[in-house]
Every structure is written in structure tokens, then in C-alpha cells.
Amino acid sequence: MTYTTVQYSLDVIKDEARQLVIKGIVSRQQPIYTLCQYIPAREWACVECELEECNFLLRDRIGDLIGHETWDND
């Protein structure tokens, strides 16, 4: 049996979080650790390390991670 591990960069994590917010699955107000429900458990440790290296805490809000949103129709 072969296991492959996806390498999670901060940009990939932000994109994953942004897609979950856009789909309404998670809220920008929820803590970042909420994302662990949507990332495979064997890969979560890599995500945590990347977030830590980029000075994000798991208790920080998802909105802090993905930043502000721009709207084209404003």
C-alpha cells in the first residue's frame, strides 16, 4: 500500500479555506483548527507546521488566514 502526502504551502491552505468559506461550509469567524475536519488527518500535521512557520495560531480566525475579500460588483 502506498501513501502519498500532499505538500501544503500557505497559499494552498488559504485556497482550501477560501473555497470552504465560499461554499458556506465554514465561516470566516471560526477558528483555523476547524479546517482539520476537511483535511485528511495524516496531512494535518503538515498543515499545522506550515501555519506555525507563518505565525498563525490554530485559534486565529479563518478570516485572518484568508484575508479580505474583494467584490467585483460593489
PDB file of N, CA and C in Angstrom:
ATOM      1  N   MET A   1       0.846  -1.165   0.000  1.00  0.00           N
ATOM      2  CA  MET A   1       0.000   0.000   0.000  1.00  0.00           C
ATOM      3  C   MET A   1       0.898   1.236   0.000  1.00  0.00           C
ATOM      4  N   THR A   2       0.621   2.174  -0.869  1.00  0.00           N
ATOM      5  CA  THR A   2       1.409   3.388  -0.983  1.00  0.00           C
ATOM      6  C   THR A   2       0.595   4.572  -0.504  1.00  0.00           C
ATOM      7  N   TYR A   3       1.231   5.388   0.328  1.00  0.00           N
ATOM      8  CA  TYR A   3       0.588   6.605   0.802  1.00  0.00           C
ATOM      9  C   TYR A   3       1.322   7.792   0.207  1.00  0.00           C
ATOM     10  N   THR A   4       0.559   8.717  -0.312  1.00  0.00           N
ATOM     11  CA  THR A   4       1.171   9.947  -0.809  1.00  0.00           C
ATOM     12  C   THR A   4       0.736  11.086   0.098  1.00  0.00           C
ATOM     13  N   THR A   5       1.652  11.961   0.366  1.00  0.00           N
ATOM     14  CA  THR A   5       1.361  13.106   1.210  1.00  0.00           C
ATOM     15  C   THR A   5       1.405  14.362   0.363  1.00  0.00           C
ATOM     16  N   VAL A   6       0.363  15.149   0.461  1.00  0.00           N
ATOM     17  CA  VAL A   6       0.295  16.402  -0.267  1.00  0.00           C
ATOM     18  C   VAL A   6       1.097  17.433   0.514  1.00  0.00           C
ATOM     19  N   GLN A   7       1.892  18.205  -0.191  1.00  0.00           N
ATOM     20  CA  GLN A   7       2.660  19.272   0.443  1.00  0.00           C
ATOM     21  C   GLN A   7       1.773  20.509   0.519  1.00  0.00           C
ATOM     22  N   TYR A   8       1.539  21.004   1.712  1.00  0.00           N
ATOM     23  CA  TYR A   8       0.663  22.149   1.899  1.00  0.00           C
ATOM     24  C   TYR A   8       1.475  23.419   2.104  1.00  0.00           C
ATOM     25  N   SER A   9       1.437  24.296   1.119  1.00  0.00           N
ATOM     26  CA  SER A   9       2.044  25.618   1.282  1.00  0.00           C
ATOM     27  C   SER A   9       0.972  26.527   1.863  1.00  0.00           C
ATOM     28  N   LEU A  10       1.372  27.688   2.327  1.00  0.00           N
ATOM     29  CA  LEU A  10       0.403  28.622   2.892  1.00  0.00           C
ATOM     30  C   LEU A  10      -0.639  29.011   1.851  1.00  0.00           C
ATOM     31  N   ASP A  11      -0.222  29.181   0.599  1.00  0.00           N
ATOM     32  CA  ASP A  11      -1.176  29.538  -0.458  1.00  0.00           C
ATOM     33  C   ASP A  11      -2.211  28.443  -0.673  1.00  0.00           C
ATOM     34  N   VAL A  12      -1.792  27.190  -0.608  1.00  0.00           N
ATOM     35  CA  VAL A  12      -2.727  26.069  -0.779  1.00  0.00           C
ATOM     36  C   VAL A  12      -3.717  26.038   0.385  1.00  0.00           C
ATOM     37  N   ILE A  13      -3.213  26.252   1.589  1.00  0.00           N
ATOM     38  CA  ILE A  13      -4.089  26.267   2.769  1.00  0.00           C
ATOM     39  C   ILE A  13      -5.104  27.396   2.661  1.00  0.00           C
ATOM     40  N   LYS A  14      -4.641  28.571   2.257  1.00  0.00           N
ATOM     41  CA  LYS A  14      -5.551  29.713   2.088  1.00  0.00           C
ATOM     42  C   LYS A  14      -6.613  29.416   1.034  1.00  0.00           C
ATOM     43  N   ASP A  15      -6.204  28.821  -0.081  1.00  0.00           N
ATOM     44  CA  ASP A  15      -7.158  28.496  -1.143  1.00  0.00           C
ATOM     45  C   ASP A  15      -8.199  27.488  -0.664  1.00  0.00           C
ATOM     46  N   GLU A  16      -7.750  26.467   0.070  1.00  0.00           N
ATOM     47  CA  GLU A  16      -8.685  25.475   0.616  1.00  0.00           C
ATOM     48  C   GLU A  16      -9.686  26.150   1.553  1.00  0.00           C
ATOM     49  N   ALA A  17      -9.186  26.996   2.443  1.00  0.00           N
ATOM     50  CA  ALA A  17     -10.051  27.694   3.400  1.00  0.00           C
ATOM     51  C   ALA A  17     -11.025  28.610   2.668  1.00  0.00           C
ATOM     52  N   ARG A  18     -10.529  29.348   1.687  1.00  0.00           N
ATOM     53  CA  ARG A  18     -11.372  30.270   0.924  1.00  0.00           C
ATOM     54  C   ARG A  18     -12.505  29.517   0.221  1.00  0.00           C
ATOM     55  N   GLN A  19     -12.202  28.367  -0.362  1.00  0.00           N
ATOM     56  CA  GLN A  19     -13.232  27.577  -1.044  1.00  0.00           C
ATOM     57  C   GLN A  19     -14.299  27.093  -0.059  1.00  0.00           C
ATOM     58  N   LEU A  20     -13.861  26.688   1.142  1.00  0.00           N
ATOM     59  CA  LEU A  20     -14.828  26.247   2.149  1.00  0.00           C
ATOM     60  C   LEU A  20     -15.718  27.399   2.612  1.00  0.00           C
ATOM     61  N   VAL A  21     -15.164  28.606   2.696  1.00  0.00           N
ATOM     62  CA  VAL A  21     -15.953  29.778   3.077  1.00  0.00           C
ATOM     63  C   VAL A  21     -16.933  30.125   1.967  1.00  0.00           C
ATOM     64  N   ILE A  22     -16.463  30.126   0.727  1.00  0.00           N
ATOM     65  CA  ILE A  22     -17.329  30.457  -0.411  1.00  0.00           C
ATOM     66  C   ILE A  22     -18.498  29.481  -0.506  1.00  0.00           C
ATOM     67  N   LYS A  23     -18.236  28.202  -0.250  1.00  0.00           N
ATOM     68  CA  LYS A  23     -19.297  27.184  -0.316  1.00  0.00           C
ATOM     69  C   LYS A  23     -20.219  27.235   0.901  1.00  0.00           C
ATOM     70  N   GLY A  24     -19.859  28.037   1.905  1.00  0.00           N
ATOM     71  CA  GLY A  24     -20.690  28.155   3.099  1.00  0.00           C
ATOM     72  C   GLY A  24     -20.510  27.010   4.084  1.00  0.00           C
ATOM     73  N   ILE A  25     -19.455  26.232   3.933  1.00  0.00           N
ATOM     74  CA  ILE A  25     -19.209  25.087   4.805  1.00  0.00           C
ATOM     75  C   ILE A  25     -18.634  25.548   6.139  1.00  0.00           C
ATOM     76  N   VAL A  26     -17.760  26.548   6.100  1.00  0.00           N
ATOM     77  CA  VAL A  26     -17.210  27.146   7.320  1.00  0.00           C
ATOM     78  C   VAL A  26     -17.404  28.652   7.241  1.00  0.00           C
ATOM     79  N   SER A  27     -17.277  29.300   8.391  1.00  0.00           N
ATOM     80  CA  SER A  27     -17.429  30.746   8.479  1.00  0.00           C
ATOM     81  C   SER A  27     -16.067  31.402   8.663  1.00  0.00           C
ATOM     82  N   ARG A  28     -15.936  32.627   8.199  1.00  0.00           N
ATOM     83  CA  ARG A  28     -14.702  33.389   8.403  1.00  0.00           C
ATOM     84  C   ARG A  28     -14.433  33.616   9.892  1.00  0.00           C
ATOM     85  N   GLN A  29     -15.471  33.511  10.716  1.00  0.00           N
ATOM     86  CA  GLN A  29     -15.333  33.763  12.155  1.00  0.00           C
ATOM     87  C   GLN A  29     -14.860  32.546  12.939  1.00  0.00           C
ATOM     88  N   GLN A  30     -14.893  31.374  12.337  1.00  0.00           N
ATOM     89  CA  GLN A  30     -14.482  30.157  13.037  1.00  0.00           C
ATOM     90  C   GLN A  30     -12.960  30.103  13.161  1.00  0.00           C
ATOM     91  N   PRO A  31     -12.459  29.395  14.190  1.00  0.00           N
ATOM     92  CA  PRO A  31     -11.011  29.262  14.334  1.00  0.00           C
ATOM     93  C   PRO A  31     -10.412  28.382  13.234  1.00  0.00           C
ATOM     94  N   ILE A  32      -9.147  28.608  12.944  1.00  0.00           N
ATOM     95  CA  ILE A  32      -8.457  27.867  11.887  1.00  0.00           C
ATOM     96  C   ILE A  32      -8.510  26.361  12.136  1.00  0.00           C
ATOM     97  N   TYR A  33      -8.473  25.938  13.411  1.00  0.00           N
ATOM     98  CA  TYR A  33      -8.468  24.495  13.665  1.00  0.00           C
ATOM     99  C   TYR A  33      -9.724  23.795  13.163  1.00  0.00           C
ATOM    100  N   THR A  34     -10.753  24.537  12.825  1.00  0.00           N
ATOM    101  CA  THR A  34     -11.961  23.955  12.225  1.00  0.00           C
ATOM    102  C   THR A  34     -11.632  23.271  10.903  1.00  0.00           C
ATOM    103  N   LEU A  35     -10.600  23.758  10.224  1.00  0.00           N
ATOM    104  CA  LEU A  35     -10.227  23.195   8.922  1.00  0.00           C
ATOM    105  C   LEU A  35      -9.764  21.744   9.018  1.00  0.00           C
ATOM    106  N   CYS A  36      -9.357  21.309  10.218  1.00  0.00           N
ATOM    107  CA  CYS A  36      -8.857  19.936  10.358  1.00  0.00           C
ATOM    108  C   CYS A  36      -9.928  18.906  10.003  1.00  0.00           C
ATOM    109  N   GLN A  37     -11.192  19.294  10.045  1.00  0.00           N
ATOM    110  CA  GLN A  37     -12.285  18.389   9.683  1.00  0.00           C
ATOM    111  C   GLN A  37     -12.332  18.133   8.176  1.00  0.00           C
ATOM    112  N   TYR A  38     -11.671  18.987   7.402  1.00  0.00           N
ATOM    113  CA  TYR A  38     -11.764  18.918   5.946  1.00  0.00           C
ATOM    114  C   TYR A  38     -10.434  18.586   5.280  1.00  0.00           C
ATOM    115  N   ILE A  39      -9.413  18.353   6.078  1.00  0.00           N
ATOM    116  CA  ILE A  39      -8.096  17.984   5.571  1.00  0.00           C
ATOM    117  C   ILE A  39      -7.777  16.613   6.152  1.00  0.00           C
ATOM    118  N   PRO A  40      -7.301  15.677   5.348  1.00  0.00           N
ATOM    119  CA  PRO A  40      -7.009  14.331   5.864  1.00  0.00           C
ATOM    120  C   PRO A  40      -6.107  14.372   7.097  1.00  0.00           C
ATOM    121  N   ALA A  41      -6.427  13.535   8.083  1.00  0.00           N
ATOM    122  CA  ALA A  41      -5.718  13.536   9.368  1.00  0.00           C
ATOM    123  C   ALA A  41      -4.216  13.345   9.200  1.00  0.00           C
ATOM    124  N   ARG A  42      -3.806  12.480   8.276  1.00  0.00           N
ATOM    125  CA  ARG A  42      -2.368  12.224   8.104  1.00  0.00           C
ATOM    126  C   ARG A  42      -1.636  13.433   7.524  1.00  0.00           C
ATOM    127  N   GLU A  43      -2.382  14.390   6.962  1.00  0.00           N
ATOM    128  CA  GLU A  43      -1.778  15.585   6.388  1.00  0.00           C
ATOM    129  C   GLU A  43      -1.909  16.805   7.291  1.00  0.00           C
ATOM    130  N   TRP A  44      -2.729  16.700   8.329  1.00  0.00           N
ATOM    131  CA  TRP A  44      -2.981  17.847   9.189  1.00  0.00           C
ATOM    132  C   TRP A  44      -1.708  18.325   9.890  1.00  0.00           C
ATOM    133  N   ALA A  45      -0.828  17.406  10.279  1.00  0.00           N
ATOM    134  CA  ALA A  45       0.413  17.796  10.953  1.00  0.00           C
ATOM    135  C   ALA A  45       1.243  18.712  10.052  1.00  0.00           C
ATOM    136  N   CYS A  46       1.275  18.435   8.763  1.00  0.00           N
ATOM    137  CA  CYS A  46       1.998  19.291   7.815  1.00  0.00           C
ATOM    138  C   CYS A  46       1.354  20.674   7.729  1.00  0.00           C
ATOM    139  N   VAL A  47       0.045  20.706   7.757  1.00  0.00           N
ATOM    140  CA  VAL A  47      -0.682  21.974   7.713  1.00  0.00           C
ATOM    141  C   VAL A  47      -0.368  22.788   8.968  1.00  0.00           C
ATOM    142  N   GLU A  48      -0.408  22.126  10.121  1.00  0.00           N
ATOM    143  CA  GLU A  48      -0.096  22.818  11.378  1.00  0.00           C
ATOM    144  C   GLU A  48       1.305  23.411  11.356  1.00  0.00           C
ATOM    145  N   CYS A  49       2.263  22.646  10.878  1.00  0.00           N
ATOM    146  CA  CYS A  49       3.647  23.129  10.813  1.00  0.00           C
ATOM    147  C   CYS A  49       3.770  24.354   9.910  1.00  0.00           C
ATOM    148  N   GLU A  50       3.126  24.298   8.754  1.00  0.00           N
ATOM    149  CA  GLU A  50       3.188  25.418   7.812  1.00  0.00           C
ATOM    150  C   GLU A  50       2.543  26.668   8.420  1.00  0.00           C
ATOM    151  N   LEU A  51       1.412  26.485   9.082  1.00  0.00           N
ATOM    152  CA  LEU A  51       0.742  27.618   9.724  1.00  0.00           C
ATOM    153  C   LEU A  51       1.622  28.215  10.820  1.00  0.00           C
ATOM    154  N   GLU A  52       2.249  27.349  11.608  1.00  0.00           N
ATOM    155  CA  GLU A  52       3.119  27.811  12.682  1.00  0.00           C
ATOM    156  C   GLU A  52       4.313  28.585  12.131  1.00  0.00           C
ATOM    157  N   GLU A  53       4.899  28.076  11.058  1.00  0.00           N
ATOM    158  CA  GLU A  53       6.037  28.756  10.441  1.00  0.00           C
ATOM    159  C   GLU A  53       5.652  30.142   9.916  1.00  0.00           C
ATOM    160  N   CYS A  54       4.382  30.290   9.554  1.00  0.00           N
ATOM    161  CA  CYS A  54       3.899  31.572   9.027  1.00  0.00           C
ATOM    162  C   CYS A  54       3.216  32.416  10.105  1.00  0.00           C
ATOM    163  N   ASN A  55       3.443  32.039  11.364  1.00  0.00           N
ATOM    164  CA  ASN A  55       2.951  32.798  12.525  1.00  0.00           C
ATOM    165  C   ASN A  55       1.434  32.843  12.669  1.00  0.00           C
ATOM    166  N   PHE A  56       0.764  31.771  12.269  1.00  0.00           N
ATOM    167  CA  PHE A  56      -0.669  31.647  12.506  1.00  0.00           C
ATOM    168  C   PHE A  56      -0.883  30.674  13.652  1.00  0.00           C
ATOM    169  N   LEU A  57      -1.838  30.980  14.519  1.00  0.00           N
ATOM    170  CA  LEU A  57      -2.214  30.090  15.604  1.00  0.00           C
ATOM    171  C   LEU A  57      -3.504  29.388  15.220  1.00  0.00           C
ATOM    172  N   LEU A  58      -3.695  28.177  15.703  1.00  0.00           N
ATOM    173  CA  LEU A  58      -4.909  27.435  15.361  1.00  0.00           C
ATOM    174  C   LEU A  58      -6.160  28.102  15.909  1.00  0.00           C
ATOM    175  N   ARG A  59      -6.014  28.940  16.907  1.00  0.00           N
ATOM    176  CA  ARG A  59      -7.181  29.653  17.458  1.00  0.00           C
ATOM    177  C   ARG A  59      -7.489  30.938  16.702  1.00  0.00           C
ATOM    178  N   ASP A  60      -6.589  31.367  15.801  1.00  0.00           N
ATOM    179  CA  ASP A  60      -6.858  32.534  14.962  1.00  0.00           C
ATOM    180  C   ASP A  60      -8.071  32.252  14.082  1.00  0.00           C
ATOM    181  N   ARG A  61      -8.723  33.279  13.644  1.00  0.00           N
ATOM    182  CA  ARG A  61      -9.916  33.136  12.798  1.00  0.00           C
ATOM    183  C   ARG A  61      -9.530  32.800  11.356  1.00  0.00           C
ATOM    184  N   ILE A  62     -10.394  32.064  10.690  1.00  0.00           N
ATOM    185  CA  ILE A  62     -10.185  31.733   9.282  1.00  0.00           C
ATOM    186  C   ILE A  62     -10.088  33.014   8.466  1.00  0.00           C
ATOM    187  N   GLY A  63     -10.860  34.018   8.830  1.00  0.00           N
ATOM    188  CA  GLY A  63     -10.808  35.307   8.138  1.00  0.00           C
ATOM    189  C   GLY A  63      -9.427  35.938   8.191  1.00  0.00           C
ATOM    190  N   ASP A  64      -8.711  35.745   9.301  1.00  0.00           N
ATOM    191  CA  ASP A  64      -7.341  36.256   9.402  1.00  0.00           C
ATOM    192  C   ASP A  64      -6.419  35.538   8.423  1.00  0.00           C
ATOM    193  N   LEU A  65      -6.682  34.269   8.221  1.00  0.00           N
ATOM    194  CA  LEU A  65      -5.870  33.453   7.321  1.00  0.00           C
ATOM    195  C   LEU A  65      -6.090  33.841   5.861  1.00  0.00           C
ATOM    196  N   ILE A  66      -7.355  33.956   5.467  1.00  0.00           N
ATOM    197  CA  ILE A  66      -7.623  34.194   4.040  1.00  0.00           C
ATOM    198  C   ILE A  66      -7.602  35.670   3.671  1.00  0.00           C
ATOM    199  N   GLY A  67      -7.583  36.549   4.673  1.00  0.00           N
ATOM    200  CA  GLY A  67      -7.515  37.976   4.369  1.00  0.00           C
ATOM    201  C   GLY A  67      -8.843  38.531   3.918  1.00  0.00           C
ATOM    202  N   HIS A  68      -8.804  39.753   3.406  1.00  0.00           N
ATOM    203  CA  HIS A  68     -10.029  40.427   2.984  1.00  0.00           C
ATOM    204  C   HIS A  68     -10.477  39.900   1.619  1.00  0.00           C
ATOM    205  N   GLU A  69     -11.744  40.054   1.374  1.00  0.00           N
ATOM    206  CA  GLU A  69     -12.307  39.643   0.097  1.00  0.00           C
ATOM    207  C   GLU A  69     -12.583  40.883  -0.745  1.00  0.00           C
ATOM    208  N   THR A  70     -12.432  40.752  -2.037  1.00  0.00           N
ATOM    209  CA  THR A  70     -12.791  41.845  -2.937  1.00  0.00           C
ATOM    210  C   THR A  70     -14.028  41.447  -3.714  1.00  0.00           C
ATOM    211  N   TRP A  71     -14.882  42.406  -3.921  1.00  0.00           N
ATOM    212  CA  TRP A  71     -16.134  42.175  -4.628  1.00  0.00           C
ATOM    213  C   TRP A  71     -16.097  42.969  -5.929  1.00  0.00           C
ATOM    214  N   ASP A  72     -16.379  42.311  -7.024  1.00  0.00           N
ATOM    215  CA  ASP A  72     -16.363  42.966  -8.321  1.00  0.00           C
ATOM    216  C   ASP A  72     -17.597  43.837  -8.563  1.00  0.00           C
ATOM    217  N   ASN A  73     -18.705  43.548  -7.896  1.00  0.00           N
ATOM    218  CA  ASN A  73     -19.945  44.258  -8.170  1.00  0.00           C
ATOM    219  C   ASN A  73     -20.244  45.360  -7.173  1.00  0.00           C
ATOM    220  N   ASP A  74     -19.298  45.822  -6.385  1.00  0.00           N
ATOM    221  CA  ASP A  74     -19.523  46.923  -5.455  1.00  0.00           C
ATOM    222  C   ASP A  74     -19.451  48.252  -6.153  1.00  0.00           C
TER     223      ASP A  74
END
